[in-house]
């Protein structure tokens, strides 16, 4: 995929990142957020990530001159207690018109490579069900399903299950 580059996100990417995420809020059960965000609403989340350290935010951009953000992936704090610091939660989202092009795989591979020297022991990911594409992506990248929380998220008038996955960083 020579027309896509992966790089650390910069603040000017935040509107595009927010637009990508808002699509999933409004149209899917992939995220359990219920109301779309303005880019300013996501500034604290953006600031929780940096070009170094455990918590990273990468974007895939179209290299054909436009620098259009096609997707993003992040590692974030999983839980706030200090003993969990070496576990991060990963997420990946692609623009709706970029799904199925391997961009999510490339983002995750680059993300995990970017944190390989950090003090990270485990990566976890939650996947709302059903979502066969996300399950396949996580399993292909070495995640193992460790359990399912049943009917823990209510969206669009229904309750949804969430499968939890984990993998070692190394």
Protein backbone atom coordinates (compact mmCIF):
# COMPACT_ATOMS: atom_id res chain seq x y z
CA UNK A 1 0.00 0.00 0.00
CA UNK A 2 2.48 2.66 -1.17
CA UNK A 3 -0.07 5.48 -1.04
CA UNK A 4 -0.42 5.33 2.77
CA UNK A 5 2.05 6.57 5.38
CA UNK A 6 1.87 6.01 9.13
CA UNK A 7 3.08 8.77 11.42
CA UNK A 8 2.48 10.19 14.90
CA UNK A 9 -0.67 12.31 15.07
CA UNK A 10 -0.34 16.06 15.30
CA UNK A 11 -2.90 18.51 16.62
CA UNK A 12 -4.00 19.51 13.11
CA UNK A 13 -5.15 15.87 12.64
CA UNK A 14 -7.64 16.13 15.49
CA UNK A 15 -10.63 17.33 13.38
CA UNK A 16 -10.19 14.39 10.96
CA UNK A 17 -9.68 11.93 13.84
CA UNK A 18 -12.84 13.27 15.46
CA UNK A 19 -14.81 12.96 12.21
CA UNK A 20 -13.71 9.33 11.84
CA UNK A 21 -14.73 8.54 15.41
CA UNK A 22 -18.04 10.40 15.12
CA UNK A 23 -19.02 8.20 12.17
CA UNK A 24 -18.79 5.16 14.44
CA UNK A 25 -20.67 6.90 17.25
CA UNK A 26 -23.61 7.83 15.03
CA UNK A 27 -23.79 4.75 12.81
CA UNK A 28 -22.48 1.73 14.70
CA UNK A 29 -22.18 -0.08 18.00
CA UNK A 30 -18.41 -0.27 17.60
CA UNK A 31 -18.11 2.42 20.25
CA UNK A 32 -20.51 2.98 23.11
CA UNK A 33 -20.22 6.76 23.03
CA UNK A 34 -23.69 8.06 22.23
CA UNK A 35 -23.20 11.67 21.12
CA UNK A 36 -20.74 13.03 18.55
CA UNK A 37 -17.81 15.15 19.69
CA UNK A 38 -16.41 18.46 18.52
CA UNK A 39 -12.62 18.38 18.08
CA UNK A 40 -12.19 20.56 21.18
CA UNK A 41 -14.04 17.95 23.23
CA UNK A 42 -11.31 15.45 22.34
CA UNK A 43 -8.35 17.68 23.19
CA UNK A 44 -7.74 16.12 26.64
CA UNK A 45 -7.83 12.64 25.05
CA UNK A 46 -5.40 13.81 22.35
CA UNK A 47 -3.08 15.32 24.98
CA UNK A 48 -2.98 11.99 26.85
CA UNK A 49 -0.91 10.63 23.94
CA UNK A 50 2.62 11.57 22.94
CA UNK A 51 5.30 10.66 20.38
CA UNK A 52 7.13 8.76 23.15
CA UNK A 53 6.01 6.63 26.06
CA UNK A 54 3.30 4.00 26.47
CA UNK A 55 0.39 6.06 25.21
CA UNK A 56 0.74 6.72 21.50
CA UNK A 57 -1.53 7.99 18.76
CA UNK A 58 -0.67 7.22 15.14
CA UNK A 59 -2.48 8.17 11.95
CA UNK A 60 -2.51 6.69 8.48
CA UNK A 61 -2.45 9.41 5.85
CA UNK A 62 -2.93 9.41 2.12
CA UNK A 63 0.48 10.22 0.64
CA UNK A 64 -0.94 11.36 -2.68
CA UNK A 65 -0.42 14.99 -1.78
CA UNK A 66 -3.48 15.47 0.37
CA UNK A 67 -2.30 14.13 3.76
CA UNK A 68 -5.90 12.99 4.27
CA UNK A 69 -6.24 11.04 7.52
CA UNK A 70 -7.54 7.58 6.62
CA UNK A 71 -7.45 6.10 10.11
CA UNK A 72 -5.83 6.16 13.52
CA UNK A 73 -4.69 3.80 16.25
CA UNK A 74 -3.87 4.44 19.87
CA UNK A 75 -2.63 2.91 23.05
CA UNK A 76 -4.16 4.47 26.13
CA UNK A 77 -4.33 4.01 29.87
CA UNK A 78 -6.41 0.92 30.59
CA UNK A 79 -7.24 1.58 34.24
CA UNK A 80 -6.13 4.39 36.53
CA UNK A 81 -4.53 2.32 39.33
CA UNK A 82 -0.72 2.32 39.35
CA UNK A 83 -0.39 -1.48 39.19
CA UNK A 84 -2.02 -1.41 35.73
CA UNK A 85 0.53 1.02 34.22
CA UNK A 86 2.25 -1.71 32.18
CA UNK A 87 -1.04 -2.64 30.50
CA UNK A 88 -2.38 -0.43 27.71
CA UNK A 89 -5.66 -0.53 25.82
CA UNK A 90 -5.44 -0.35 22.05
CA UNK A 91 -7.98 1.04 19.59
CA UNK A 92 -8.05 1.39 15.84
CA UNK A 93 -10.54 3.21 13.61
CA UNK A 94 -10.53 3.78 9.85
CA UNK A 95 -12.53 6.17 7.74
CA UNK A 96 -15.61 4.37 6.43
CA UNK A 97 -14.40 4.63 2.84
CA UNK A 98 -10.97 3.22 3.80
CA UNK A 99 -12.18 0.05 5.54
CA UNK A 100 -10.97 -3.21 4.01
CA UNK A 101 -7.72 -1.82 2.59
CA UNK A 102 -5.42 -3.20 5.30
CA UNK A 103 -4.98 0.20 6.93
CA UNK A 104 -6.08 -1.04 10.37
CA UNK A 105 -3.51 -3.82 10.22
CA UNK A 106 -0.76 -1.41 9.18
CA UNK A 107 -1.72 1.02 11.94
CA UNK A 108 -1.68 -1.65 14.64
CA UNK A 109 1.64 -3.09 13.43
CA UNK A 110 3.23 0.37 13.46
CA UNK A 111 1.68 1.17 16.84
CA UNK A 112 2.99 -1.98 18.48
CA UNK A 113 6.42 -1.43 16.91
CA UNK A 114 6.44 2.15 18.24
CA UNK A 115 6.00 1.00 21.84
CA UNK A 116 8.23 -2.11 21.68
CA UNK A 117 10.89 -0.54 23.91
CA UNK A 118 8.43 0.91 26.42
CA UNK A 119 7.58 -0.62 29.78
CA UNK A 120 4.46 -2.34 28.45
CA UNK A 121 3.69 -5.93 29.36
CA UNK A 122 0.15 -6.43 27.99
CA UNK A 123 -2.10 -4.86 25.39
CA UNK A 124 -5.85 -5.28 25.84
CA UNK A 125 -8.72 -4.47 23.50
CA UNK A 126 -12.48 -4.51 23.86
CA UNK A 127 -14.60 -5.38 20.83
CA UNK A 128 -18.37 -4.90 20.83
CA UNK A 129 -20.16 -7.87 19.34
CA UNK A 130 -20.96 -8.73 16.68
CA UNK A 131 -17.95 -7.35 14.85
CA UNK A 132 -16.32 -10.16 12.87
CA UNK A 133 -13.85 -7.85 11.09
CA UNK A 134 -12.45 -6.49 14.35
CA UNK A 135 -12.34 -9.93 15.95
CA UNK A 136 -10.40 -11.23 12.93
CA UNK A 137 -8.00 -8.26 13.01
CA UNK A 138 -7.20 -8.73 16.68
CA UNK A 139 -6.77 -12.48 16.37
CA UNK A 140 -4.55 -12.06 13.29
CA UNK A 141 -2.30 -9.72 15.27
CA UNK A 142 -1.80 -12.12 18.15
CA UNK A 143 -4.60 -11.17 20.50
CA UNK A 144 -6.36 -13.95 22.37
CA UNK A 145 -9.99 -13.68 23.48
CA UNK A 146 -10.10 -13.86 27.27
CA UNK A 147 -13.78 -13.32 27.92
CA UNK A 148 -17.08 -11.72 27.04
CA UNK A 149 -19.03 -9.27 29.16
CA UNK A 150 -22.64 -9.88 28.22
CA UNK A 151 -25.06 -7.03 27.54
CA UNK A 152 -22.90 -4.36 29.16
CA UNK A 153 -23.53 -1.53 26.67
CA UNK A 154 -26.88 -0.09 25.68
CA UNK A 155 -27.06 1.67 22.35
CA UNK A 156 -29.79 2.06 19.72
CA UNK A 157 -32.29 0.53 22.15
CA UNK A 158 -30.42 -2.78 22.53
CA UNK A 159 -27.85 -4.25 24.89
CA UNK A 160 -24.54 -5.38 23.38
CA UNK A 161 -21.81 -7.78 24.46
CA UNK A 162 -18.12 -6.86 24.58
CA UNK A 163 -15.37 -9.41 23.96
CA UNK A 164 -12.04 -8.70 25.64
CA UNK A 165 -8.74 -9.62 24.05
CA UNK A 166 -5.16 -9.47 25.26
CA UNK A 167 -1.71 -10.03 23.89
CA UNK A 168 1.80 -9.58 25.18
CA UNK A 169 3.67 -6.67 23.64
CA UNK A 170 6.70 -8.83 22.82
